[in-house]
């Protein structure tokens, strides 16, 4: 648990100190943001900063810091290091600058900014990669929740049924103004995601399980694959993910002030890192205690 607590503390300190350093480089000022100067009532809509934070957090997180952290945790305490330093120096800075660059360029998307500065040919390549990436991410974010919901509902509500429901929701959320569905529902989902992580954190502190410590080596390693590149691609959301560059500009169009970029964008990624770290810590306990069986039988932490 000591290694976990140290890792958690470093993440928080990283936001406080390195986040301030990154913010100072950006140099936020009082200029009018696209949410106000280009307000159209659809994509460019000024929202309260806390809502922008919650939506940004859910946009970049979802199931990623849960599934990824659980898979990557099989590499032991090395996963803690990757989550902590990947988030502070990579992911959070990446998301922060993806948003701030968009704000300084009229709320442009990633591909629009690339076209502006690198030309149309590079933009075509990035557009093709972005489309492929979106298809892959959508497949995971549709099939994952659909399969989970299918196990919790009557038999006629199978995974295909929930996939259709989720797709309908996606279409409505995409076509309607951002403050009609996304601005109202996403914060609720984000709170639920945070609530789960806080619940696990409380259990960890109450039960105080014997988690692997970094001074005893890299801890458990149940995955026979090499750490590089497998751990780094397993834990993308929760450390650093290029996918976030397509999401940050969406919320950059809703921010009222540049001065909120650090708590919203850098802060959302650090929050995702904390969520990933919590799930990784819980998973390392399960793996070292043959805990997949314990988890399935409801005996989690029974031997702590």
Protein backbone atom coordinates (compact mmCIF):
# COMPACT_ATOMS: atom_id res chain seq x y z
CA UNK A 1 0.00 0.00 0.00
CA UNK A 2 2.92 2.38 0.64
CA UNK A 3 3.92 2.39 -3.04
CA UNK A 4 0.31 3.02 -4.03
CA UNK A 5 -0.02 5.94 -1.59
CA UNK A 6 3.25 7.47 -2.81
CA UNK A 7 2.09 7.12 -6.43
CA UNK A 8 -1.25 8.74 -5.59
CA UNK A 9 0.50 11.61 -3.81
CA UNK A 10 2.88 12.21 -6.74
CA UNK A 11 -0.09 12.49 -9.11
CA UNK A 12 -1.69 15.16 -6.93
CA UNK A 13 1.59 17.02 -6.49
CA UNK A 14 2.18 16.78 -10.23
CA UNK A 15 -1.05 18.67 -10.86
CA UNK A 16 -0.16 21.32 -8.29
CA UNK A 17 3.42 21.99 -9.34
CA UNK A 18 4.04 20.72 -12.88
CA UNK A 19 0.54 21.82 -13.86
CA UNK A 20 1.42 25.35 -12.80
CA UNK A 21 4.64 25.18 -14.82
CA UNK A 22 2.80 24.07 -17.96
CA UNK A 23 0.16 26.74 -17.40
CA UNK A 24 2.84 29.41 -17.09
CA UNK A 25 4.31 28.36 -20.45
CA UNK A 26 0.89 28.67 -22.07
CA UNK A 27 0.28 32.06 -20.49
CA UNK A 28 -3.53 32.29 -20.24
CA UNK A 29 -5.01 35.76 -20.54
CA UNK A 30 -8.38 37.51 -20.63
CA UNK A 31 -9.01 37.22 -24.36
CA UNK A 32 -12.51 36.21 -25.44
CA UNK A 33 -12.79 32.46 -25.99
CA UNK A 34 -14.53 30.81 -28.99
CA UNK A 35 -17.43 29.80 -26.71
CA UNK A 36 -18.36 33.49 -26.61
CA UNK A 37 -16.93 34.96 -29.82
CA UNK A 38 -18.29 32.17 -32.03
CA UNK A 39 -21.38 31.20 -30.06
CA UNK A 40 -23.77 29.29 -32.32
CA UNK A 41 -25.96 27.48 -29.82
CA UNK A 42 -24.84 24.07 -31.12
CA UNK A 43 -21.11 23.32 -30.76
CA UNK A 44 -19.91 26.67 -29.45
CA UNK A 45 -21.84 27.06 -26.19
CA UNK A 46 -20.46 28.54 -22.97
CA UNK A 47 -20.94 26.05 -20.12
CA UNK A 48 -20.05 26.23 -16.42
CA UNK A 49 -16.45 25.19 -15.85
CA UNK A 50 -17.42 22.27 -13.60
CA UNK A 51 -19.62 20.87 -16.37
CA UNK A 52 -16.83 21.26 -18.92
CA UNK A 53 -14.52 19.39 -16.53
CA UNK A 54 -17.00 16.55 -16.03
CA UNK A 55 -17.73 16.20 -19.75
CA UNK A 56 -14.03 16.32 -20.62
CA UNK A 57 -13.26 13.72 -17.97
CA UNK A 58 -15.93 11.35 -19.26
CA UNK A 59 -14.94 11.98 -22.90
CA UNK A 60 -11.34 10.97 -22.31
CA UNK A 61 -11.98 8.29 -19.70
CA UNK A 62 -14.98 6.02 -20.17
CA UNK A 63 -13.96 2.39 -19.78
CA UNK A 64 -10.35 3.08 -20.79
CA UNK A 65 -8.76 3.69 -17.37
CA UNK A 66 -10.64 0.67 -15.99
CA UNK A 67 -10.00 -2.00 -18.64
CA UNK A 68 -6.54 -0.70 -19.48
CA UNK A 69 -5.41 -0.42 -15.87
CA UNK A 70 -6.65 -3.91 -15.04
CA UNK A 71 -4.80 -5.43 -18.00
CA UNK A 72 -1.65 -3.40 -17.41
CA UNK A 73 -1.60 -4.10 -13.69
CA UNK A 74 -0.44 -7.64 -14.47
CA UNK A 75 3.01 -6.08 -14.89
CA UNK A 76 3.03 -5.13 -11.21
CA UNK A 77 4.32 -1.87 -9.78
CA UNK A 78 5.76 -0.90 -13.17
CA UNK A 79 2.16 -0.05 -14.10
CA UNK A 80 2.02 2.44 -11.21
CA UNK A 81 5.11 4.22 -12.52
CA UNK A 82 3.74 4.41 -16.05
CA UNK A 83 0.39 5.77 -14.89
CA UNK A 84 1.99 8.42 -12.66
CA UNK A 85 4.73 9.76 -14.90
CA UNK A 86 2.87 9.13 -18.14
CA UNK A 87 -0.04 11.21 -16.84
CA UNK A 88 1.96 14.11 -15.40
CA UNK A 89 4.52 14.58 -18.17
CA UNK A 90 2.63 13.12 -21.14
CA UNK A 91 -1.12 12.73 -20.97
CA UNK A 92 -2.09 15.79 -18.96
CA UNK A 93 0.26 18.09 -20.87
CA UNK A 94 -0.95 16.60 -24.17
CA UNK A 95 -4.61 17.20 -23.33
CA UNK A 96 -3.90 20.67 -21.97
CA UNK A 97 -2.11 21.85 -25.08
CA UNK A 98 -4.57 20.13 -27.45
CA UNK A 99 -7.30 22.24 -25.85
CA UNK A 100 -5.36 25.49 -25.57
CA UNK A 101 -4.15 25.32 -29.17
CA UNK A 102 -7.76 24.82 -30.24
CA UNK A 103 -8.89 27.83 -28.18
CA UNK A 104 -6.17 30.03 -29.69
CA UNK A 105 -7.26 28.91 -33.18
CA UNK A 106 -10.96 29.58 -32.97
CA UNK A 107 -12.02 26.22 -31.52
CA UNK A 108 -10.67 24.25 -34.46
CA UNK A 109 -10.63 20.46 -34.38
CA UNK A 110 -7.38 18.50 -34.56
CA UNK A 111 -7.58 17.96 -38.32
CA UNK A 112 -8.46 21.61 -38.98
CA UNK A 113 -5.43 22.78 -37.01
CA UNK A 114 -3.19 20.31 -38.83
CA UNK A 115 -4.47 21.58 -42.18
CA UNK A 116 -3.81 25.18 -41.13
CA UNK A 117 -0.18 24.60 -40.13
CA UNK A 118 0.97 21.48 -41.99
CA UNK A 119 -1.02 21.58 -45.22
CA UNK A 120 -3.78 19.56 -46.83
CA UNK A 121 -1.74 16.44 -47.63
CA UNK A 122 -0.70 15.88 -44.03
CA UNK A 123 -4.28 16.61 -43.05
CA UNK A 124 -5.55 13.84 -45.35
CA UNK A 125 -3.26 11.34 -43.63
CA UNK A 126 -4.35 12.48 -40.18
CA UNK A 127 -8.00 12.49 -41.20
CA UNK A 128 -7.74 8.88 -42.37
CA UNK A 129 -5.98 7.85 -39.15
CA UNK A 130 -8.55 9.72 -37.07
CA UNK A 131 -11.46 7.98 -38.81
CA UNK A 132 -9.89 4.56 -38.22
CA UNK A 133 -9.18 5.46 -34.60
CA UNK A 134 -12.75 6.66 -34.06
CA UNK A 135 -14.13 3.42 -35.47
CA UNK A 136 -11.95 1.33 -33.16
CA UNK A 137 -12.74 3.42 -30.09
CA UNK A 138 -16.46 3.45 -30.88
CA UNK A 139 -16.44 -0.34 -31.27
CA UNK A 140 -14.96 -0.74 -27.78
CA UNK A 141 -17.14 1.93 -26.15
CA UNK A 142 -20.28 0.39 -27.68
CA UNK A 143 -19.58 -3.34 -27.24
CA UNK A 144 -18.14 -3.02 -23.71
CA UNK A 145 -21.14 -1.31 -22.05
CA UNK A 146 -23.58 -3.36 -24.17
CA UNK A 147 -22.13 -6.64 -22.92
CA UNK A 148 -22.19 -5.45 -19.31
CA UNK A 149 -25.80 -4.23 -19.56
CA UNK A 150 -26.84 -7.52 -21.19
CA UNK A 151 -25.75 -9.42 -18.09
CA UNK A 152 -27.82 -7.14 -15.84
CA UNK A 153 -31.08 -7.15 -17.80
CA UNK A 154 -33.65 -9.75 -19.00
CA UNK A 155 -32.58 -12.21 -21.71
CA UNK A 156 -34.42 -10.39 -24.50
CA UNK A 157 -32.26 -7.33 -23.78
CA UNK A 158 -29.13 -8.95 -25.20
CA UNK A 159 -25.92 -7.25 -26.24
CA UNK A 160 -27.25 -6.45 -29.74
CA UNK A 161 -30.28 -4.72 -28.23
CA UNK A 162 -28.06 -2.50 -26.07
CA UNK A 163 -25.73 -1.76 -28.98
CA UNK A 164 -28.71 -0.37 -30.91
CA UNK A 165 -29.80 1.69 -27.90
CA UNK A 166 -26.28 3.07 -27.44
CA UNK A 167 -25.99 3.91 -31.15
CA UNK A 168 -29.30 5.78 -31.02
CA UNK A 169 -28.05 7.70 -28.02
CA UNK A 170 -24.80 8.51 -29.84
CA UNK A 171 -26.70 9.85 -32.85
CA UNK A 172 -28.96 12.04 -30.73
CA UNK A 173 -26.06 13.35 -28.65
CA UNK A 174 -24.15 14.17 -31.84
CA UNK A 175 -26.96 15.94 -33.69
CA UNK A 176 -28.48 17.93 -30.82
CA UNK A 177 -26.80 21.04 -29.33
CA UNK A 178 -24.09 20.13 -26.86
CA UNK A 179 -25.96 21.58 -23.89
CA UNK A 180 -29.13 19.55 -24.51
CA UNK A 181 -27.93 15.97 -23.90
CA UNK A 182 -24.17 15.93 -23.38
CA UNK A 183 -24.24 18.94 -21.06
CA UNK A 184 -26.97 17.39 -18.91
CA UNK A 185 -26.25 13.66 -18.90
CA UNK A 186 -22.45 13.41 -19.13
CA UNK A 187 -21.82 15.04 -15.72
CA UNK A 188 -24.05 12.38 -14.13
CA UNK A 189 -22.09 9.57 -15.80
CA UNK A 190 -18.81 11.22 -14.80
CA UNK A 191 -19.93 11.41 -11.17
CA UNK A 192 -20.86 7.71 -11.30
CA UNK A 193 -17.40 6.83 -12.67
CA UNK A 194 -15.73 8.86 -9.92
CA UNK A 195 -18.03 7.35 -7.30
CA UNK A 196 -16.90 3.84 -8.25
CA UNK A 197 -13.24 4.84 -8.00
CA UNK A 198 -13.76 6.54 -4.64
CA UNK A 199 -15.59 3.46 -3.37
CA UNK A 200 -12.66 1.22 -4.30
CA UNK A 201 -10.22 3.71 -2.74
CA UNK A 202 -12.16 3.65 0.54
CA UNK A 203 -12.11 -0.17 0.57
CA UNK A 204 -8.35 -0.16 -0.09
CA UNK A 205 -7.73 2.10 2.90
CA UNK A 206 -10.16 0.24 5.16
CA UNK A 207 -8.92 -3.26 4.31
CA UNK A 208 -5.29 -2.23 3.73
CA UNK A 209 -4.46 -5.21 1.46
CA UNK A 210 -0.89 -6.38 0.89
CA UNK A 211 -0.17 -4.70 -2.44
CA UNK A 212 3.23 -5.15 -4.13
CA UNK A 213 5.90 -2.62 -3.18
CA UNK A 214 8.37 -1.20 -5.64
CA UNK A 215 11.38 -1.80 -3.34
CA UNK A 216 10.65 -5.51 -3.51
CA UNK A 217 11.19 -5.48 -7.25
CA UNK A 218 8.63 -4.86 -9.95
CA UNK A 219 6.08 -6.79 -7.93
CA UNK A 220 3.78 -9.32 -9.54
CA UNK A 221 3.99 -10.10 -13.22
CA UNK A 222 1.33 -12.48 -14.43
CA UNK A 223 1.58 -11.42 -18.06
CA UNK A 224 4.30 -13.32 -19.97
CA UNK A 225 4.45 -10.56 -22.60
CA UNK A 226 7.36 -8.09 -22.50
CA UNK A 227 6.69 -4.85 -20.60
CA UNK A 228 7.59 -2.88 -23.72
CA UNK A 229 5.41 -2.34 -25.64
CA UNK A 230 2.57 -4.36 -24.08
CA UNK A 231 2.16 -2.46 -20.80
CA UNK A 232 2.32 0.92 -22.53
CA UNK A 233 -0.36 0.12 -25.07
CA UNK A 234 -2.52 -1.64 -22.46
CA UNK A 235 -2.55 1.47 -20.27
CA UNK A 236 -3.16 4.30 -22.74
CA UNK A 237 -6.20 5.96 -21.19
CA UNK A 238 -4.90 6.66 -17.71
CA UNK A 239 -1.40 7.60 -18.89
CA UNK A 240 -1.30 9.14 -22.38
CA UNK A 241 -3.57 8.71 -25.36
CA UNK A 242 -3.49 10.51 -28.69
CA UNK A 243 -7.24 9.91 -28.91
CA UNK A 244 -7.68 12.74 -26.41
CA UNK A 245 -6.51 15.25 -29.03
CA UNK A 246 -9.80 14.66 -30.85
CA UNK A 247 -11.85 15.24 -27.68
CA UNK A 248 -10.21 18.24 -26.02
CA UNK A 249 -11.19 20.69 -28.81
CA UNK A 250 -14.85 19.75 -28.27
CA UNK A 251 -14.74 21.16 -24.76
CA UNK A 252 -12.40 23.99 -25.74
CA UNK A 253 -15.43 25.39 -27.59
CA UNK A 254 -17.41 25.54 -24.34
CA UNK A 255 -14.92 27.16 -21.96
CA UNK A 256 -15.58 30.74 -20.86
CA UNK A 257 -12.02 31.62 -19.86
CA UNK A 258 -8.51 30.50 -20.81
CA UNK A 259 -7.61 30.61 -17.13
CA UNK A 260 -9.74 27.52 -16.55
CA UNK A 261 -7.69 25.39 -18.96
CA UNK A 262 -5.42 24.01 -16.25
CA UNK A 263 -8.11 22.78 -13.84
CA UNK A 264 -10.35 21.54 -16.65
CA UNK A 265 -7.97 19.88 -19.12
CA UNK A 266 -4.81 19.18 -17.13
CA UNK A 267 -6.98 18.40 -14.12
CA UNK A 268 -9.29 16.02 -15.99
CA UNK A 269 -6.34 13.94 -17.20
CA UNK A 270 -4.78 13.82 -13.73
CA UNK A 271 -8.18 12.71 -12.41
CA UNK A 272 -8.23 9.97 -15.03
CA UNK A 273 -4.75 8.94 -13.93
CA UNK A 274 -5.95 8.70 -10.32
CA UNK A 275 -8.90 6.55 -11.41
CA UNK A 276 -6.55 4.28 -13.40
CA UNK A 277 -4.15 4.02 -10.46
CA UNK A 278 -6.96 2.99 -8.10
CA UNK A 279 -8.19 0.29 -10.47
CA UNK A 280 -4.63 -0.91 -11.07
CA UNK A 281 -4.02 -1.19 -7.32
CA UNK A 282 -7.19 -3.21 -6.81
CA UNK A 283 -6.30 -5.44 -9.76
CA UNK A 284 -2.76 -6.12 -8.52
CA UNK A 285 -4.25 -7.48 -5.32
CA UNK A 286 -6.61 -9.72 -7.27
CA UNK A 287 -3.86 -11.04 -9.51
CA UNK A 288 -1.44 -11.84 -6.70
CA UNK A 289 -4.20 -13.60 -4.74
CA UNK A 290 -5.60 -15.49 -7.74
CA UNK A 291 -8.21 -12.83 -7.30
CA UNK A 292 -10.04 -13.28 -10.59
CA UNK A 293 -11.67 -16.32 -8.99
CA UNK A 294 -12.24 -14.40 -5.74
CA UNK A 295 -13.74 -11.44 -7.61
CA UNK A 296 -16.16 -13.68 -9.49
CA UNK A 297 -17.25 -15.41 -6.28
CA UNK A 298 -17.63 -12.22 -4.26
CA UNK A 299 -14.71 -12.94 -1.93
CA UNK A 300 -12.65 -9.88 -2.81
CA UNK A 301 -10.42 -8.69 0.04
CA UNK A 302 -11.71 -11.48 2.27
CA UNK A 303 -8.17 -12.53 3.13
CA UNK A 304 -6.79 -9.05 3.71
